[in-house]
Structures are given as C-alpha cells and as structure tokens.
C-alpha cells in the first residue's frame, strides 16, 4: 500500500508522526504525493482559531483528492480527539485516531471499514517516535497538570503521562551513538516531568548527563509554577556545558488578574523570579516567552502592564498570539474583546518585543563565540551558540556538525550574522 502523510503542529505531533511513519514503513511504502497514495494521513493541530481554519481547509482538499482516487483518509492528532464532529463535517467518511492511540495506525490503515479510535490509551514506543539526525527531538512526557481556561490542547492530550527515566536515557544514548549533536527535550510542560511517577526534571537531566558524548541539550517549555519548584536544582544543572543557556518560560500576561482568569497557577512575580535567577547566572542567556494578547476582559491597563513586564525582563524572543476563543473552553464564555482591539494590542506587543530582541542580539556584535553548525545551505551555515542563539555564517566549508569559532559581525531581530575565525 502507498501511504501519504502530512503533519502540522508542535514537537509532540512531530513525534507522533515519526511513530506512525516508522510503523507504516515496516509494511508499506510512503509516497510524497497524495495523488499517488492508496491512503492519506493528516496529523492535525487545533491550538488556535487560525490553525483550525487552515487544517479544516486542508482536510477538505485531501478529502476531495480521496474521492477522486479512492482509498482512505485518516485524520489523526489533536483535532481528531478534541473536535471530531468538526472533522467529520469536513470529511464524513474519514477515519479518526487520537494522539493517545497513534500506535494503532497499522490497524486503522489496513481495516476494511472506517475506524474511530479517539477514546482510551494505546501503548506508545518512545524509541519509535524519535527521528534521527544531527538534531533529535525527544518527548519526555505527554499531557499536562494544568487546566488553563483558554486551552483546547488539554482536551486533546489529556493529563500528564511521563516516560520513564530509563526509557528516555536509552533513546538519548542511541541518538548520541548515531551522531546526534543537539538533543531537544520536549513536552507540553517539561517542568512537570515526572510528577506523576515520583521523579522530576532535574533528576532526569542528571541521569541523561551521565551519557558521554559531544552533545548539547535544549530544554523545552516550562511553566513558571512548576519550574519554581526545581529552579535551584535547574540552575546548578545548567552549569554543565552540555545544557544550552536557554529557557522557554511563558508569561502569557503581565497582569495577575488576567492570569487568574486564564487559570494559570503562577503570578507575574513568579515569572520575574525565574528570569532574575537565570539572568543573574547567565546574563547573555536566551529567554523565550509567550504572550496571549487581547484575552477576554483584558483592560487597557492590563495590556500596558504586560508591555511593562516585557520591557523590564527583556525576553530575547516573544511568541505573541492574538487570543482566539476555542470550543469547549471556559474563556470562550467570557465577554470577548473586539477583533480590532485584539489586533492592535497584538501589534503593539510584537513591536516592543522585536525592538528588545534586536537590542539583546546587538549585545553580541564584536564577540567571538562557539557555535554548533546544524545546517548548511549552499554557502550559508546555520549554527547555535551556547545560549541557543541562532547565527548565520557566510562563506563556510565542510563544517556541518562541528563546533566552530565565530566572530559576530551583525545582528538582526531573529538572528546574528557571523564569520568563521581561526
């Protein structure tokens, strides 16, 4: 059977797609064109309204292809789990499979009838979900402990389910032995890792760092409330040169009342505490944060407080999302702000954030830094410094996978520009 796969969304979705791909390749062929396929699989995301509209449009396009060539359409992922009726409205004959049951993809694929598998849990192989290469993304857990009022992902991914330290170490060791230089640990909340199985992220990192090799670890997003529980241990672990001096800590709002409406379990001061501890040890470290702009009932003063927190803490990168109501969430029932106000506030935050990003990048100009080269495209290489900052190097040679000395000659909002030095 010839199978076509498309995937959208986060690193967790990428891992699920890798798992399905590896299982399918054991018995079937994967093709790069849906018009040549006997079965089409789309792994979906539905985190925001604009994402939902994009995915539904694509499902309809793939369903149209399926009708013309025959075969089966399988819709996997978060939309299949959280919004099955929406999916089936776009593709009434589609089979559905949730993130928790992607390990059953062969059964769904080979079934002679339409399958709906969106309840319950299947057994996932972590090793099967990991794709090799210089950069390897490894899920350490799925789901979360939070219950944010705006989030549909909890409906799709469920509660926290951590992989064991032994299984994660086995996968990391295999990746390193096969040549991985960058290990990205990912989860809906990496700081929540292990709270369901009697351990924590700090213990996991110490165990992983026992594995020898010239690799470096990027720790994925951590919610402030869970990161605070282990922050002192984390700061000690960050001293290891094999940990990027990088933190992804979402703020979401600089106003405590809005955080309460969001059902976030931390305060603005909690976020500031983490930033202060990190920056006191690693002043050139890289901080990414997330902001939801235009949340229901957000006042103009609350919006200005968010801007003031960004200006005070100076995150190196801000992922700004204009609030969009998601079905089955409490926030969708709150009084909504006009679209024009949401758009304008989002624009203002983006403007401030871009200015700060450039300021932070300019601090590196003239410095000589070590950088790990992870991609070479023609005469340009893309490399990551020890703080995970991206630097583009012109006029490079055979340096893929190597750590090189780079003189930083320029700065943009999103990256640095550098040249190789002896």
Protein backbone atom coordinates (compact mmCIF):
# COMPACT_ATOMS: atom_id res chain seq x y z
CA UNK A 1 0.00 0.00 0.00
CA UNK A 2 1.19 3.51 -0.80
CA UNK A 3 0.65 6.00 2.04
CA UNK A 4 0.93 9.79 2.08
CA UNK A 5 1.44 11.64 5.40
CA UNK A 6 1.12 15.32 6.29
CA UNK A 7 1.82 16.70 9.76
CA UNK A 8 1.12 20.00 11.49
CA UNK A 9 1.68 21.44 14.93
CA UNK A 10 4.11 21.04 17.79
CA UNK A 11 7.02 18.75 18.59
CA UNK A 12 4.63 16.26 20.20
CA UNK A 13 2.82 15.96 16.89
CA UNK A 14 6.14 15.51 15.10
CA UNK A 15 6.92 12.63 17.44
CA UNK A 16 3.53 11.03 16.78
CA UNK A 17 4.09 11.39 13.03
CA UNK A 18 7.53 9.77 13.33
CA UNK A 19 5.97 6.87 15.22
CA UNK A 20 3.28 6.37 12.58
CA UNK A 21 5.79 6.73 9.77
CA UNK A 22 8.16 4.13 11.25
CA UNK A 23 5.33 1.66 11.80
CA UNK A 24 3.94 2.14 8.30
CA UNK A 25 7.35 1.67 6.69
CA UNK A 26 7.57 -1.78 8.26
CA UNK A 27 4.82 -2.99 5.90
CA UNK A 28 4.02 -0.29 3.35
CA UNK A 29 5.50 2.42 1.15
CA UNK A 30 5.36 6.14 1.96
CA UNK A 31 4.99 8.49 -1.00
CA UNK A 32 5.37 12.24 -1.29
CA UNK A 33 2.27 12.96 -3.37
CA UNK A 34 -1.32 12.39 -2.14
CA UNK A 35 -2.45 11.77 -5.74
CA UNK A 36 -0.24 8.64 -5.83
CA UNK A 37 -1.47 7.27 -2.50
CA UNK A 38 -3.86 4.48 -1.57
CA UNK A 39 -4.31 6.11 1.85
CA UNK A 40 -3.83 9.66 3.11
CA UNK A 41 -2.99 10.57 6.71
CA UNK A 42 -3.10 14.09 8.14
CA UNK A 43 -1.85 14.65 11.69
CA UNK A 44 -3.67 17.74 12.90
CA UNK A 45 -3.27 20.69 15.25
CA UNK A 46 -6.06 22.88 16.63
CA UNK A 47 -4.33 25.14 19.13
CA UNK A 48 -5.76 28.41 17.75
CA UNK A 49 -8.66 29.54 15.61
CA UNK A 50 -6.49 30.40 12.62
CA UNK A 51 -4.85 26.97 12.87
CA UNK A 52 -8.26 25.30 12.97
CA UNK A 53 -9.38 27.09 9.81
CA UNK A 54 -6.18 26.17 7.99
CA UNK A 55 -6.42 22.50 8.97
CA UNK A 56 -10.11 22.17 8.06
CA UNK A 57 -9.41 23.68 4.66
CA UNK A 58 -6.62 21.15 4.11
CA UNK A 59 -8.79 18.24 5.29
CA UNK A 60 -11.40 19.23 2.70
CA UNK A 61 -8.72 19.36 -0.01
CA UNK A 62 -7.40 15.93 0.92
CA UNK A 63 -10.94 14.53 1.12
CA UNK A 64 -11.54 15.82 -2.41
CA UNK A 65 -8.42 14.00 -3.58
CA UNK A 66 -9.54 10.84 -1.82
CA UNK A 67 -12.93 10.93 -3.50
CA UNK A 68 -11.29 11.20 -6.91
CA UNK A 69 -8.69 8.46 -6.49
CA UNK A 70 -10.40 6.19 -3.93
CA UNK A 71 -8.75 4.85 -0.82
CA UNK A 72 -8.88 6.05 2.75
CA UNK A 73 -8.42 9.35 4.59
CA UNK A 74 -7.21 9.13 8.19
CA UNK A 75 -7.32 12.22 10.39
CA UNK A 76 -5.02 11.91 13.39
CA UNK A 77 -3.95 14.23 16.18
CA UNK A 78 -5.46 16.90 18.38
CA UNK A 79 -8.36 17.92 16.14
CA UNK A 80 -9.47 14.31 15.74
CA UNK A 81 -9.56 13.95 19.53
CA UNK A 82 -10.93 17.35 20.59
CA UNK A 83 -13.22 18.22 17.66
CA UNK A 84 -14.33 15.00 15.93
CA UNK A 85 -17.64 16.47 14.77
CA UNK A 86 -15.84 19.33 13.04
CA UNK A 87 -13.56 16.88 11.25
CA UNK A 88 -16.41 14.64 10.14
CA UNK A 89 -18.34 17.62 8.85
CA UNK A 90 -15.41 18.31 6.51
CA UNK A 91 -14.73 14.65 5.67
CA UNK A 92 -17.73 12.43 6.58
CA UNK A 93 -16.01 9.17 5.62
CA UNK A 94 -12.69 9.81 7.35
CA UNK A 95 -11.24 7.51 9.96
CA UNK A 96 -10.16 9.21 13.20
CA UNK A 97 -7.31 8.35 15.54
CA UNK A 98 -6.33 10.29 18.67
CA UNK A 99 -2.79 11.16 19.82
CA UNK A 100 -3.11 8.53 22.54
CA UNK A 101 -3.74 5.73 20.01
CA UNK A 102 -1.40 6.51 17.10
CA UNK A 103 0.45 3.26 17.82
CA UNK A 104 -2.62 1.53 16.32
CA UNK A 105 -2.15 3.24 12.95
CA UNK A 106 -1.50 -0.01 11.06
CA UNK A 107 -4.78 -1.49 12.26
CA UNK A 108 -6.66 1.64 11.17
CA UNK A 109 -4.79 1.79 7.88
CA UNK A 110 -5.39 -1.86 6.99
CA UNK A 111 -9.00 -2.08 8.20
CA UNK A 112 -11.69 -2.62 5.58
CA UNK A 113 -14.06 -0.28 7.44
CA UNK A 114 -13.88 3.24 8.78
CA UNK A 115 -12.28 3.34 12.24
CA UNK A 116 -12.99 5.84 15.03
CA UNK A 117 -10.34 5.46 17.75
CA UNK A 118 -10.43 8.60 19.85
CA UNK A 119 -11.04 7.29 23.38
CA UNK A 120 -8.74 5.38 25.70
CA UNK A 121 -4.98 4.94 25.57
CA UNK A 122 -2.65 2.83 23.50
CA UNK A 123 0.95 1.85 24.20
CA UNK A 124 3.43 4.27 22.64
CA UNK A 125 7.03 3.41 21.90
CA UNK A 126 9.28 6.38 22.64
CA UNK A 127 12.06 4.95 20.51
CA UNK A 128 9.70 4.67 17.54
CA UNK A 129 8.73 8.33 17.91
CA UNK A 130 12.26 9.64 17.53
CA UNK A 131 13.73 10.58 14.17
CA UNK A 132 17.50 10.52 13.80
CA UNK A 133 19.81 13.25 12.59
CA UNK A 134 22.11 15.95 13.98
CA UNK A 135 19.14 17.36 15.89
CA UNK A 136 16.90 14.87 17.68
CA UNK A 137 13.64 15.82 19.40
CA UNK A 138 12.69 13.52 22.27
CA UNK A 139 9.31 13.74 24.04
CA UNK A 140 9.75 13.20 27.77
CA UNK A 141 6.06 13.41 28.64
CA UNK A 142 2.63 13.98 27.14
CA UNK A 143 -0.25 16.00 28.54
CA UNK A 144 -0.04 18.41 31.44
CA UNK A 145 -1.13 19.14 35.01
CA UNK A 146 -2.74 22.48 34.18
CA UNK A 147 -6.30 23.36 33.28
CA UNK A 148 -5.99 26.70 31.51
CA UNK A 149 -9.31 28.33 30.74
CA UNK A 150 -8.43 29.06 27.11
CA UNK A 151 -6.68 25.83 26.12
CA UNK A 152 -8.15 23.10 23.94
CA UNK A 153 -4.91 21.10 23.93
CA UNK A 154 -5.71 19.59 27.34
CA UNK A 155 -8.81 18.04 25.77
CA UNK A 156 -6.64 16.52 23.09
CA UNK A 157 -3.55 15.49 25.02
CA UNK A 158 -5.05 14.74 28.43
CA UNK A 159 -3.32 14.62 31.79
CA UNK A 160 0.37 14.18 32.42
CA UNK A 161 1.96 10.89 31.37
CA UNK A 162 5.74 10.85 31.76
CA UNK A 163 8.09 8.40 30.12
CA UNK A 164 10.45 6.61 32.49
CA UNK A 165 13.97 7.89 33.02
CA UNK A 166 15.33 4.55 31.82
CA UNK A 167 13.44 4.71 28.53
CA UNK A 168 14.44 8.32 27.88
CA UNK A 169 18.09 7.57 28.65
CA UNK A 170 18.02 4.61 26.29
CA UNK A 171 16.69 6.76 23.45
CA UNK A 172 19.15 9.61 24.15
CA UNK A 173 22.09 7.21 24.27
CA UNK A 174 21.07 5.64 20.95
CA UNK A 175 20.67 9.06 19.33
CA UNK A 176 24.10 10.19 20.52
CA UNK A 177 25.72 6.96 19.36
CA UNK A 178 24.16 7.53 15.94
CA UNK A 179 25.64 11.02 15.66
CA UNK A 180 23.14 13.42 17.25
CA UNK A 181 24.74 16.66 18.41
CA UNK A 182 21.65 18.50 19.64
CA UNK A 183 19.07 16.83 21.89
CA UNK A 184 15.77 18.68 22.29
CA UNK A 185 13.70 17.53 25.24
CA UNK A 186 10.05 18.40 24.71
CA UNK A 187 6.68 18.15 26.44
CA UNK A 188 3.59 20.29 26.96
CA UNK A 189 5.41 21.32 30.15
CA UNK A 190 8.89 19.89 30.70
CA UNK A 191 8.94 21.25 34.26
CA UNK A 192 6.04 18.94 35.12
CA UNK A 193 8.05 15.92 34.04
CA UNK A 194 7.95 13.04 36.50
CA UNK A 195 5.36 14.45 38.89
CA UNK A 196 3.12 11.50 38.01
CA UNK A 197 5.83 8.87 38.52
CA UNK A 198 7.70 10.13 41.57
CA UNK A 199 10.60 11.96 39.97
CA UNK A 200 11.32 15.35 38.35
CA UNK A 201 13.09 17.12 35.50
CA UNK A 202 16.25 17.84 37.49
CA UNK A 203 16.74 14.15 38.26
CA UNK A 204 16.12 13.26 34.61
CA UNK A 205 18.72 15.77 33.41
CA UNK A 206 21.34 14.48 35.84
CA UNK A 207 20.74 10.94 34.59
CA UNK A 208 20.97 11.98 30.93
CA UNK A 209 24.19 13.90 31.52
CA UNK A 210 25.83 10.65 32.64
CA UNK A 211 25.78 9.65 28.95
CA UNK A 212 29.15 10.50 27.39
CA UNK A 213 29.38 12.38 24.12
CA UNK A 214 29.69 15.75 22.44
CA UNK A 215 26.02 16.67 22.51
CA UNK A 216 24.11 19.62 23.91
CA UNK A 217 20.59 19.63 25.37
CA UNK A 218 17.84 22.15 24.80
CA UNK A 219 15.16 22.04 27.50
CA UNK A 220 11.68 22.76 26.18
CA UNK A 221 8.92 24.96 27.58
CA UNK A 222 8.49 25.09 31.36
CA UNK A 223 5.53 26.69 33.14
CA UNK A 224 6.65 29.11 35.87
CA UNK A 225 4.75 27.41 38.72
CA UNK A 226 6.36 24.03 38.09
CA UNK A 227 9.78 25.45 37.19
CA UNK A 228 9.89 27.32 40.51
CA UNK A 229 9.68 24.04 42.41
CA UNK A 230 13.02 22.92 40.99
CA UNK A 231 14.64 26.22 39.95
CA UNK A 232 17.68 25.99 42.26
CA UNK A 233 18.45 22.46 41.07
CA UNK A 234 17.98 23.57 37.48
CA UNK A 235 20.39 26.48 37.84
CA UNK A 236 23.01 24.07 39.16
CA UNK A 237 22.44 21.66 36.28
CA UNK A 238 22.63 24.49 33.74
CA UNK A 239 26.29 24.91 34.70
CA UNK A 240 27.05 21.83 32.59
CA UNK A 241 28.35 22.95 29.19
CA UNK A 242 26.06 20.35 27.58
CA UNK A 243 22.97 22.37 28.52
CA UNK A 244 22.02 25.34 26.35
CA UNK A 245 21.72 28.50 28.42
CA UNK A 246 18.16 28.79 27.19
CA UNK A 247 14.78 28.90 28.94
CA UNK A 248 11.29 28.95 27.47
CA UNK A 249 9.10 30.37 30.23
CA UNK A 250 5.62 31.53 29.18
CA UNK A 251 4.30 34.69 30.83
CA UNK A 252 1.00 34.87 28.86
CA UNK A 253 0.00 38.11 30.63
CA UNK A 254 1.71 40.72 32.77
CA UNK A 255 -1.45 41.20 34.82
CA UNK A 256 -2.22 38.92 37.77
CA UNK A 257 -5.99 39.26 37.39
CA UNK A 258 -5.81 38.11 33.79
CA UNK A 259 -3.58 35.21 34.84
CA UNK A 260 -6.31 34.18 37.29
CA UNK A 261 -8.93 34.34 34.51
CA UNK A 262 -6.61 32.20 32.40
CA UNK A 263 -6.37 29.77 35.34
CA UNK A 264 -2.60 29.99 35.21
CA UNK A 265 -1.13 28.85 38.52
CA UNK A 266 1.53 31.48 38.97
CA UNK A 267 1.90 35.24 39.41
CA UNK A 268 3.82 37.83 37.44
CA UNK A 269 6.35 37.90 40.28
CA UNK A 270 6.87 34.14 39.93
CA UNK A 271 7.84 34.69 36.29
CA UNK A 272 10.13 37.59 37.26
CA UNK A 273 11.80 35.44 39.93
CA UNK A 274 12.75 32.78 37.39
CA UNK A 275 14.06 35.38 34.93
CA UNK A 276 16.08 37.07 37.68
CA UNK A 277 17.64 33.79 38.86
CA UNK A 278 18.51 32.74 35.32
CA UNK A 279 19.89 36.10 34.21
CA UNK A 280 21.92 36.56 37.42
CA UNK A 281 23.92 33.44 36.47
CA UNK A 282 23.68 33.71 32.69
CA UNK A 283 23.30 37.37 31.69
CA UNK A 284 23.70 36.51 28.00
CA UNK A 285 21.33 33.54 28.30
CA UNK A 286 18.37 33.30 25.96
CA UNK A 287 14.82 33.58 27.31
CA UNK A 288 11.76 32.88 25.19
CA UNK A 289 8.31 33.71 26.49
CA UNK A 290 4.72 33.53 25.24
CA UNK A 291 2.03 36.18 25.37
CA UNK A 292 -1.70 35.90 24.65
CA UNK A 293 -2.86 39.34 23.58
CA UNK A 294 -6.45 40.50 23.88
CA UNK A 295 -7.67 37.90 26.35
CA UNK A 296 -11.34 38.31 27.37
CA UNK A 297 -11.88 41.15 29.87
CA UNK A 298 -8.30 42.41 29.46
CA UNK A 299 -8.33 46.13 30.25
CA UNK A 300 -6.09 48.69 28.62
CA UNK A 301 -4.13 48.92 31.87
CA UNK A 302 -3.67 45.14 31.98
CA UNK A 303 -2.34 45.30 28.42
CA UNK A 304 0.08 48.07 29.42
CA UNK A 305 1.24 46.01 32.40
CA UNK A 306 2.16 43.19 30.03
CA UNK A 307 4.22 45.58 27.94
CA UNK A 308 5.94 46.90 31.08
CA UNK A 309 6.87 43.36 32.18
CA UNK A 310 8.32 42.64 28.74
CA UNK A 311 10.33 45.86 28.87
CA UNK A 312 11.54 45.06 32.40
CA UNK A 313 12.51 41.41 31.90
CA UNK A 314 13.67 41.77 28.26
CA UNK A 315 12.97 38.30 26.88
CA UNK A 316 15.11 37.54 23.83
CA UNK A 317 12.11 36.21 21.93
CA UNK A 318 8.38 36.64 22.46
CA UNK A 319 5.83 34.38 20.80
CA UNK A 320 2.77 36.62 20.58
CA UNK A 321 -0.64 35.07 19.88
CA UNK A 322 -3.80 37.07 19.41
CA UNK A 323 -6.45 35.46 21.58
CA UNK A 324 -8.98 33.35 19.72
CA UNK A 325 -11.82 31.53 21.51
CA UNK A 326 -11.57 27.76 21.40
CA UNK A 327 -14.59 25.47 21.71
CA UNK A 328 -15.24 23.66 25.00
CA UNK A 329 -13.14 26.17 26.98
CA UNK A 330 -14.25 28.42 29.84
CA UNK A 331 -12.65 31.51 28.32
CA UNK A 332 -14.87 31.20 25.26
CA UNK A 333 -17.86 32.00 27.50
CA UNK A 334 -16.32 35.21 28.88
CA UNK A 335 -17.07 38.66 27.39
CA UNK A 336 -14.86 38.94 24.31
CA UNK A 337 -12.86 41.98 23.20
CA UNK A 338 -13.50 43.40 19.71
CA UNK A 339 -11.26 41.98 17.00
CA UNK A 340 -9.83 45.45 16.29
CA UNK A 341 -8.64 45.85 19.88
CA UNK A 342 -7.11 42.37 19.97
CA UNK A 343 -5.26 43.04 16.71
CA UNK A 344 -3.95 46.44 17.82
CA UNK A 345 -2.71 45.11 21.18
CA UNK A 346 -1.04 42.20 19.46
CA UNK A 347 0.69 44.59 17.06
CA UNK A 348 1.94 46.77 19.94
CA UNK A 349 3.43 43.79 21.79
CA UNK A 350 5.11 42.49 18.65
CA UNK A 351 6.65 45.93 18.05
CA UNK A 352 8.06 46.17 21.57
CA UNK A 353 9.29 42.58 21.50
CA UNK A 354 11.10 42.97 18.20
CA UNK A 355 12.91 46.06 19.48
CA UNK A 356 14.07 44.19 22.59
CA UNK A 357 15.12 41.16 20.54
CA UNK A 358 17.34 43.37 18.40
CA UNK A 359 18.80 45.08 21.47
CA UNK A 360 19.66 41.72 23.02
CA UNK A 361 21.20 40.47 19.79
CA UNK A 362 23.27 43.63 19.36
CA UNK A 363 25.00 42.83 22.66
CA UNK A 364 26.83 40.01 20.87
CA UNK A 365 28.25 42.02 17.99
CA UNK A 366 32.05 42.00 18.04
CA UNK A 367 32.28 38.93 20.28
CA UNK A 368 33.86 35.62 19.31
CA UNK A 369 31.62 32.71 20.21
CA UNK A 370 31.49 28.93 19.91
CA UNK A 371 28.64 27.74 17.71
CA UNK A 372 27.39 24.29 16.74
CA UNK A 373 26.69 24.04 13.00
CA UNK A 374 23.42 22.18 12.44
CA UNK A 375 22.54 23.08 8.87
CA UNK A 376 24.46 24.10 5.75
CA UNK A 377 22.63 25.52 2.75
CA UNK A 378 25.00 26.39 -0.07
CA UNK A 379 27.47 28.95 1.26
CA UNK A 380 25.46 29.71 4.39
CA UNK A 381 25.52 27.75 7.63
CA UNK A 382 23.05 27.96 10.50
CA UNK A 383 24.56 27.38 13.92
CA UNK A 384 23.53 27.62 17.56
CA UNK A 385 25.64 29.36 20.17
CA UNK A 386 25.89 28.06 23.72
CA UNK A 387 22.85 30.15 24.63
CA UNK A 388 20.87 28.72 21.69
CA UNK A 389 21.06 31.99 19.77
CA UNK A 390 20.94 31.44 16.02
CA UNK A 391 23.90 32.70 13.99
CA UNK A 392 24.14 32.59 10.21
CA UNK A 393 27.66 32.11 8.89
CA UNK A 394 28.58 33.06 5.33
CA UNK A 395 31.34 31.53 3.23
CA UNK A 396 31.53 28.27 5.15
CA UNK A 397 33.17 24.99 4.17
CA UNK A 398 32.74 21.44 5.43
CA UNK A 399 31.64 22.33 8.94
CA UNK A 400 28.30 20.55 9.35
CA UNK A 401 28.05 19.00 12.81
CA UNK A 402 31.14 20.80 14.08
CA UNK A 403 31.54 23.37 16.83
CA UNK A 404 33.33 26.37 15.31
CA UNK A 405 34.63 29.77 16.41
CA UNK A 406 32.51 32.59 15.02
CA UNK A 407 33.03 36.34 15.13
CA UNK A 408 29.66 38.08 15.36
CA UNK A 409 29.62 40.86 12.77
CA UNK A 410 25.96 41.85 12.72
CA UNK A 411 22.58 41.42 14.34
CA UNK A 412 19.02 41.11 13.10
CA UNK A 413 15.84 40.78 15.12
CA UNK A 414 15.73 37.00 14.69
CA UNK A 415 19.38 36.02 14.37
CA UNK A 416 23.04 37.03 14.37
CA UNK A 417 25.43 37.23 11.44
CA UNK A 418 28.94 35.87 11.80
CA UNK A 419 32.13 34.79 10.10
CA UNK A 420 34.45 31.90 10.83
CA UNK A 421 37.60 32.68 12.76
CA UNK A 422 40.76 30.56 13.03
